[in-house]
Amino acid sequence: MRVLPLFLIILLVCGAGCVEEASISTPEQDQGVNVTLSGLEGDWSFAFGCHWRVTGVVVNAGMQDVSDVTVVLSLINKRTNIIEDSRTIAAGALSIGESRAFSIYLDGECGEEYRVQSVVIRD
């Protein structure tokens, strides 16, 4: 029974160092709709492996109301420039000056460096 707690401690110590650096790209703007990525936090868990929590806000900084705003966030490997994971956020309709905060998780590989890119799509 003493082996299991020791194994878990070793696994947690080794797992804690598996998350490497990631960075946030410049804010995306599309006809007055701005996406600002304010946080990027790497983590590791038994259930999900290495993943990054991305937080930010979508703002209608334009001069008119907009509808059907969608934001695609991609986790891009800095070494290979390949998209490892992406998620779509449906921001919907935004009045002038209105904003919507978001928080999502993107999956990546342990030991790699990433950047996050945002793209605004409007229908």
N, C-alpha and C. Protein backbone atom coordinates (compact mmCIF):
# COMPACT_ATOMS: atom_id res chain seq x y z
N MET A 1 0.82 -1.20 0.00
CA MET A 1 0.00 0.00 0.00
C MET A 1 0.86 1.27 0.00
N ARG A 2 2.10 1.18 0.43
CA ARG A 2 2.97 2.35 0.44
C ARG A 2 3.44 2.72 -0.96
N VAL A 3 3.40 1.78 -1.88
CA VAL A 3 3.87 2.02 -3.24
C VAL A 3 2.93 2.97 -3.99
N LEU A 4 1.64 2.82 -3.80
CA LEU A 4 0.67 3.65 -4.51
C LEU A 4 0.82 5.13 -4.18
N PRO A 5 0.89 5.56 -2.89
CA PRO A 5 1.08 6.99 -2.61
C PRO A 5 2.40 7.53 -3.17
N LEU A 6 3.46 6.73 -3.11
CA LEU A 6 4.74 7.17 -3.65
C LEU A 6 4.65 7.32 -5.16
N PHE A 7 3.98 6.39 -5.84
CA PHE A 7 3.78 6.47 -7.28
C PHE A 7 3.00 7.73 -7.66
N LEU A 8 1.95 8.03 -6.91
CA LEU A 8 1.14 9.22 -7.19
C LEU A 8 1.95 10.50 -7.00
N ILE A 9 2.78 10.56 -5.98
CA ILE A 9 3.61 11.75 -5.74
C ILE A 9 4.60 11.93 -6.89
N ILE A 10 5.24 10.85 -7.32
CA ILE A 10 6.19 10.94 -8.44
C ILE A 10 5.47 11.38 -9.71
N LEU A 11 4.31 10.83 -9.97
CA LEU A 11 3.54 11.18 -11.16
C LEU A 11 3.13 12.65 -11.14
N LEU A 12 2.71 13.15 -9.99
CA LEU A 12 2.30 14.55 -9.88
C LEU A 12 3.49 15.49 -10.08
N VAL A 13 4.63 15.15 -9.53
CA VAL A 13 5.82 15.99 -9.68
C VAL A 13 6.27 16.02 -11.13
N CYS A 14 6.29 14.85 -11.77
CA CYS A 14 6.68 14.79 -13.18
C CYS A 14 5.65 15.48 -14.07
N GLY A 15 4.38 15.30 -13.78
CA GLY A 15 3.32 15.91 -14.58
C GLY A 15 3.27 17.41 -14.45
N ALA A 16 3.67 17.95 -13.29
CA ALA A 16 3.61 19.39 -13.08
C ALA A 16 4.54 20.14 -14.02
N GLY A 17 5.62 19.53 -14.47
CA GLY A 17 6.57 20.20 -15.34
C GLY A 17 6.32 19.99 -16.81
N CYS A 18 5.26 19.32 -17.19
CA CYS A 18 5.06 18.99 -18.61
C CYS A 18 4.47 20.13 -19.41
N VAL A 19 3.93 21.13 -18.78
CA VAL A 19 3.30 22.23 -19.50
C VAL A 19 4.34 23.27 -19.85
N GLU A 20 4.48 23.55 -21.13
CA GLU A 20 5.47 24.50 -21.60
C GLU A 20 4.81 25.85 -21.88
N GLU A 21 5.61 26.77 -22.35
CA GLU A 21 5.19 28.14 -22.59
C GLU A 21 4.20 28.24 -23.75
N ALA A 22 3.26 29.15 -23.61
CA ALA A 22 2.35 29.49 -24.69
C ALA A 22 2.18 31.00 -24.69
N SER A 23 1.86 31.57 -25.83
CA SER A 23 1.69 33.02 -25.91
C SER A 23 0.40 33.36 -26.62
N ILE A 24 -0.01 34.61 -26.48
CA ILE A 24 -1.24 35.10 -27.08
C ILE A 24 -0.89 35.99 -28.26
N SER A 25 -1.55 35.77 -29.38
CA SER A 25 -1.31 36.61 -30.55
C SER A 25 -2.03 37.95 -30.39
N THR A 26 -1.79 38.86 -31.32
CA THR A 26 -2.39 40.18 -31.26
C THR A 26 -3.91 40.08 -31.41
N PRO A 27 -4.65 41.06 -30.85
CA PRO A 27 -6.11 41.01 -30.94
C PRO A 27 -6.60 41.02 -32.39
N GLU A 28 -7.65 40.28 -32.62
CA GLU A 28 -8.28 40.20 -33.95
C GLU A 28 -9.38 41.25 -34.03
N GLN A 29 -9.48 41.92 -35.16
CA GLN A 29 -10.52 42.92 -35.35
C GLN A 29 -11.16 42.70 -36.71
N ASP A 30 -12.50 42.74 -36.74
CA ASP A 30 -13.24 42.58 -37.99
C ASP A 30 -14.40 43.55 -37.99
N GLN A 31 -14.27 44.64 -38.73
CA GLN A 31 -15.33 45.63 -38.89
C GLN A 31 -15.92 46.05 -37.55
N GLY A 32 -15.06 46.39 -36.61
CA GLY A 32 -15.52 46.89 -35.32
C GLY A 32 -15.69 45.84 -34.26
N VAL A 33 -15.57 44.55 -34.59
CA VAL A 33 -15.66 43.50 -33.59
C VAL A 33 -14.24 43.13 -33.18
N ASN A 34 -13.92 43.36 -31.90
CA ASN A 34 -12.58 43.09 -31.38
C ASN A 34 -12.59 41.85 -30.49
N VAL A 35 -11.54 41.05 -30.61
CA VAL A 35 -11.33 39.92 -29.71
C VAL A 35 -10.03 40.17 -28.98
N THR A 36 -10.11 40.25 -27.66
CA THR A 36 -8.91 40.44 -26.85
C THR A 36 -8.74 39.21 -25.98
N LEU A 37 -7.60 38.53 -26.15
CA LEU A 37 -7.28 37.36 -25.34
C LEU A 37 -6.51 37.83 -24.12
N SER A 38 -7.10 37.65 -22.95
CA SER A 38 -6.51 38.22 -21.74
C SER A 38 -5.77 37.21 -20.88
N GLY A 39 -5.99 35.95 -21.10
CA GLY A 39 -5.32 34.96 -20.27
C GLY A 39 -5.06 33.67 -21.01
N LEU A 40 -3.92 33.08 -20.70
CA LEU A 40 -3.54 31.80 -21.26
C LEU A 40 -2.79 31.05 -20.18
N GLU A 41 -3.38 29.98 -19.71
CA GLU A 41 -2.82 29.25 -18.58
C GLU A 41 -2.73 27.77 -18.92
N GLY A 42 -1.51 27.23 -18.89
CA GLY A 42 -1.31 25.82 -19.17
C GLY A 42 -1.50 24.97 -17.92
N ASP A 43 -2.00 23.75 -18.11
CA ASP A 43 -2.22 22.86 -16.98
C ASP A 43 -2.16 21.42 -17.46
N TRP A 44 -2.06 20.52 -16.52
CA TRP A 44 -2.06 19.09 -16.81
C TRP A 44 -2.97 18.39 -15.82
N SER A 45 -3.73 17.41 -16.29
CA SER A 45 -4.57 16.63 -15.39
C SER A 45 -4.63 15.19 -15.89
N PHE A 46 -4.99 14.28 -14.97
CA PHE A 46 -5.14 12.88 -15.36
C PHE A 46 -6.21 12.72 -16.43
N ALA A 47 -7.29 13.45 -16.29
CA ALA A 47 -8.43 13.30 -17.20
C ALA A 47 -8.17 13.88 -18.59
N PHE A 48 -7.47 15.02 -18.67
CA PHE A 48 -7.34 15.73 -19.94
C PHE A 48 -5.92 15.81 -20.49
N GLY A 49 -4.92 15.42 -19.74
CA GLY A 49 -3.54 15.57 -20.19
C GLY A 49 -3.15 17.04 -20.18
N CYS A 50 -2.32 17.45 -21.13
CA CYS A 50 -1.90 18.86 -21.22
C CYS A 50 -2.98 19.66 -21.95
N HIS A 51 -3.37 20.77 -21.35
CA HIS A 51 -4.39 21.64 -21.95
C HIS A 51 -4.14 23.08 -21.51
N TRP A 52 -4.71 24.01 -22.26
CA TRP A 52 -4.54 25.43 -21.99
C TRP A 52 -5.91 26.08 -21.84
N ARG A 53 -6.05 26.87 -20.79
CA ARG A 53 -7.28 27.63 -20.57
C ARG A 53 -7.08 29.02 -21.17
N VAL A 54 -7.95 29.38 -22.09
CA VAL A 54 -7.88 30.67 -22.78
C VAL A 54 -9.08 31.51 -22.34
N THR A 55 -8.80 32.72 -21.87
CA THR A 55 -9.88 33.64 -21.50
C THR A 55 -9.75 34.91 -22.33
N GLY A 56 -10.88 35.56 -22.52
CA GLY A 56 -10.88 36.79 -23.29
C GLY A 56 -12.25 37.39 -23.38
N VAL A 57 -12.36 38.38 -24.27
CA VAL A 57 -13.63 39.08 -24.44
C VAL A 57 -13.81 39.45 -25.91
N VAL A 58 -15.06 39.38 -26.37
CA VAL A 58 -15.45 39.83 -27.70
C VAL A 58 -16.23 41.12 -27.51
N VAL A 59 -15.82 42.19 -28.22
CA VAL A 59 -16.44 43.51 -28.05
C VAL A 59 -16.87 44.07 -29.40
N ASN A 60 -18.08 44.63 -29.44
CA ASN A 60 -18.51 45.38 -30.62
C ASN A 60 -18.09 46.82 -30.42
N ALA A 61 -16.94 47.19 -30.99
CA ALA A 61 -16.43 48.55 -30.89
C ALA A 61 -16.81 49.38 -32.12
N GLY A 62 -17.67 48.84 -32.95
CA GLY A 62 -18.08 49.51 -34.18
C GLY A 62 -19.18 50.54 -33.96
N MET A 63 -19.70 51.05 -35.06
CA MET A 63 -20.72 52.10 -35.02
C MET A 63 -22.12 51.56 -35.30
N GLN A 64 -22.27 50.23 -35.40
CA GLN A 64 -23.59 49.65 -35.62
C GLN A 64 -23.68 48.29 -34.94
N ASP A 65 -24.92 47.86 -34.69
CA ASP A 65 -25.14 46.55 -34.11
C ASP A 65 -24.70 45.47 -35.09
N VAL A 66 -24.24 44.34 -34.57
CA VAL A 66 -23.83 43.23 -35.43
C VAL A 66 -24.55 41.97 -34.98
N SER A 67 -24.74 41.05 -35.92
CA SER A 67 -25.41 39.79 -35.58
C SER A 67 -24.56 38.61 -36.05
N ASP A 68 -24.84 37.46 -35.49
CA ASP A 68 -24.18 36.21 -35.89
C ASP A 68 -22.65 36.29 -35.85
N VAL A 69 -22.11 36.77 -34.74
CA VAL A 69 -20.66 36.85 -34.57
C VAL A 69 -20.16 35.51 -34.02
N THR A 70 -19.16 34.96 -34.68
CA THR A 70 -18.53 33.72 -34.26
C THR A 70 -17.02 33.96 -34.19
N VAL A 71 -16.38 33.39 -33.17
CA VAL A 71 -14.94 33.51 -33.01
C VAL A 71 -14.35 32.10 -33.00
N VAL A 72 -13.31 31.90 -33.81
CA VAL A 72 -12.58 30.63 -33.82
C VAL A 72 -11.23 30.86 -33.15
N LEU A 73 -10.95 30.10 -32.09
CA LEU A 73 -9.68 30.19 -31.37
C LEU A 73 -8.87 28.93 -31.68
N SER A 74 -7.61 29.12 -32.06
CA SER A 74 -6.75 28.00 -32.43
C SER A 74 -5.48 28.00 -31.60
N LEU A 75 -5.08 26.81 -31.14
CA LEU A 75 -3.83 26.61 -30.44
C LEU A 75 -2.82 26.14 -31.47
N ILE A 76 -1.79 26.96 -31.74
CA ILE A 76 -0.85 26.70 -32.82
C ILE A 76 0.53 26.39 -32.24
N ASN A 77 1.11 25.29 -32.68
CA ASN A 77 2.44 24.88 -32.26
C ASN A 77 3.45 25.87 -32.83
N LYS A 78 4.27 26.48 -31.97
CA LYS A 78 5.25 27.47 -32.42
C LYS A 78 6.35 26.87 -33.29
N ARG A 79 6.71 25.62 -33.04
CA ARG A 79 7.79 24.97 -33.77
C ARG A 79 7.35 24.53 -35.16
N THR A 80 6.18 23.91 -35.26
CA THR A 80 5.71 23.35 -36.54
C THR A 80 4.71 24.24 -37.26
N ASN A 81 4.16 25.22 -36.54
CA ASN A 81 3.13 26.12 -37.08
C ASN A 81 1.86 25.36 -37.47
N ILE A 82 1.59 24.24 -36.80
CA ILE A 82 0.41 23.42 -37.05
C ILE A 82 -0.62 23.68 -35.96
N ILE A 83 -1.89 23.75 -36.36
CA ILE A 83 -2.98 23.93 -35.40
C ILE A 83 -3.18 22.60 -34.67
N GLU A 84 -3.00 22.62 -33.35
CA GLU A 84 -3.18 21.42 -32.52
C GLU A 84 -4.64 21.23 -32.12
N ASP A 85 -5.34 22.33 -31.86
CA ASP A 85 -6.73 22.25 -31.44
C ASP A 85 -7.39 23.59 -31.73
N SER A 86 -8.69 23.58 -31.93
CA SER A 86 -9.43 24.83 -32.11
C SER A 86 -10.83 24.67 -31.55
N ARG A 87 -11.41 25.78 -31.16
CA ARG A 87 -12.78 25.81 -30.63
C ARG A 87 -13.49 27.01 -31.24
N THR A 88 -14.79 26.84 -31.43
CA THR A 88 -15.62 27.90 -31.97
C THR A 88 -16.52 28.44 -30.86
N ILE A 89 -16.57 29.77 -30.76
CA ILE A 89 -17.42 30.44 -29.78
C ILE A 89 -18.48 31.22 -30.54
N ALA A 90 -19.74 30.96 -30.26
CA ALA A 90 -20.84 31.69 -30.88
C ALA A 90 -21.17 32.88 -29.97
N ALA A 91 -20.71 34.07 -30.36
CA ALA A 91 -20.97 35.28 -29.57
C ALA A 91 -22.36 35.83 -29.86
N GLY A 92 -22.94 35.49 -31.01
CA GLY A 92 -24.28 35.94 -31.35
C GLY A 92 -24.33 37.41 -31.72
N ALA A 93 -25.45 38.04 -31.42
CA ALA A 93 -25.65 39.46 -31.74
C ALA A 93 -25.03 40.32 -30.65
N LEU A 94 -24.37 41.41 -31.08
CA LEU A 94 -23.75 42.36 -30.15
C LEU A 94 -24.20 43.78 -30.51
N SER A 95 -24.76 44.47 -29.54
CA SER A 95 -25.11 45.87 -29.74
C SER A 95 -23.84 46.72 -29.68
N ILE A 96 -23.95 47.97 -30.06
CA ILE A 96 -22.80 48.88 -30.01
C ILE A 96 -22.27 48.93 -28.58
N GLY A 97 -20.96 48.66 -28.42
CA GLY A 97 -20.32 48.70 -27.11
C GLY A 97 -20.52 47.45 -26.26
N GLU A 98 -21.35 46.52 -26.69
CA GLU A 98 -21.61 45.32 -25.91
C GLU A 98 -20.42 44.36 -25.99
N SER A 99 -20.19 43.64 -24.90
CA SER A 99 -19.10 42.67 -24.87
C SER A 99 -19.57 41.34 -24.28
N ARG A 100 -18.83 40.29 -24.61
CA ARG A 100 -19.10 38.95 -24.07
C ARG A 100 -17.78 38.33 -23.68
N ALA A 101 -17.66 37.92 -22.42
CA ALA A 101 -16.45 37.24 -21.95
C ALA A 101 -16.56 35.75 -22.27
N PHE A 102 -15.41 35.09 -22.42
CA PHE A 102 -15.39 33.66 -22.67
C PHE A 102 -14.19 33.01 -21.97
N SER A 103 -14.32 31.73 -21.76
CA SER A 103 -13.25 30.91 -21.20
C SER A 103 -13.39 29.52 -21.80
N ILE A 104 -12.34 29.04 -22.47
CA ILE A 104 -12.38 27.73 -23.11
C ILE A 104 -11.08 26.97 -22.82
N TYR A 105 -11.10 25.68 -23.11
CA TYR A 105 -9.91 24.85 -22.98
C TYR A 105 -9.51 24.32 -24.34
N LEU A 106 -8.20 24.40 -24.63
CA LEU A 106 -7.64 23.86 -25.87
C LEU A 106 -6.63 22.78 -25.51
N ASP A 107 -6.66 21.67 -26.22
CA ASP A 107 -5.77 20.54 -25.95
C ASP A 107 -4.49 20.66 -26.75
N GLY A 108 -3.36 20.32 -26.10
CA GLY A 108 -2.07 20.32 -26.77
C GLY A 108 -1.22 19.17 -26.28
N GLU A 109 0.00 19.12 -26.76
CA GLU A 109 0.95 18.09 -26.37
C GLU A 109 1.87 18.63 -25.30
N CYS A 110 2.20 17.80 -24.34
CA CYS A 110 3.13 18.20 -23.28
C CYS A 110 4.51 18.46 -23.89
N GLY A 111 5.20 19.47 -23.36
CA GLY A 111 6.56 19.76 -23.80
C GLY A 111 6.66 20.65 -25.03
N GLU A 112 5.54 21.10 -25.58
CA GLU A 112 5.55 21.95 -26.77
C GLU A 112 5.22 23.40 -26.39
N GLU A 113 5.64 24.33 -27.24
CA GLU A 113 5.31 25.74 -27.06
C GLU A 113 4.23 26.11 -28.06
N TYR A 114 3.25 26.92 -27.60
CA TYR A 114 2.09 27.27 -28.41
C TYR A 114 1.83 28.76 -28.41
N ARG A 115 1.05 29.17 -29.40
CA ARG A 115 0.46 30.50 -29.44
C ARG A 115 -1.02 30.33 -29.76
N VAL A 116 -1.82 31.31 -29.40
CA VAL A 116 -3.26 31.26 -29.66
C VAL A 116 -3.61 32.33 -30.69
N GLN A 117 -4.38 31.95 -31.67
CA GLN A 117 -4.83 32.88 -32.72
C GLN A 117 -6.34 32.93 -32.71
N SER A 118 -6.90 34.13 -32.91
CA SER A 118 -8.35 34.27 -32.99
C SER A 118 -8.74 34.80 -34.37
N VAL A 119 -9.88 34.30 -34.85
CA VAL A 119 -10.43 34.74 -36.13
C VAL A 119 -11.92 35.03 -35.93
N VAL A 120 -12.36 36.20 -36.38
CA VAL A 120 -13.76 36.60 -36.28
C VAL A 120 -14.47 36.23 -37.58
N ILE A 121 -15.64 35.58 -37.46
CA ILE A 121 -16.45 35.23 -38.63
C ILE A 121 -17.83 35.86 -38.41
N ARG A 122 -18.30 36.54 -39.44
CA ARG A 122 -19.64 37.15 -39.37
C ARG A 122 -20.45 36.71 -40.58
N ASP A 123 -21.68 36.28 -40.30
CA ASP A 123 -22.58 35.87 -41.39
C ASP A 123 -23.48 37.01 -41.79
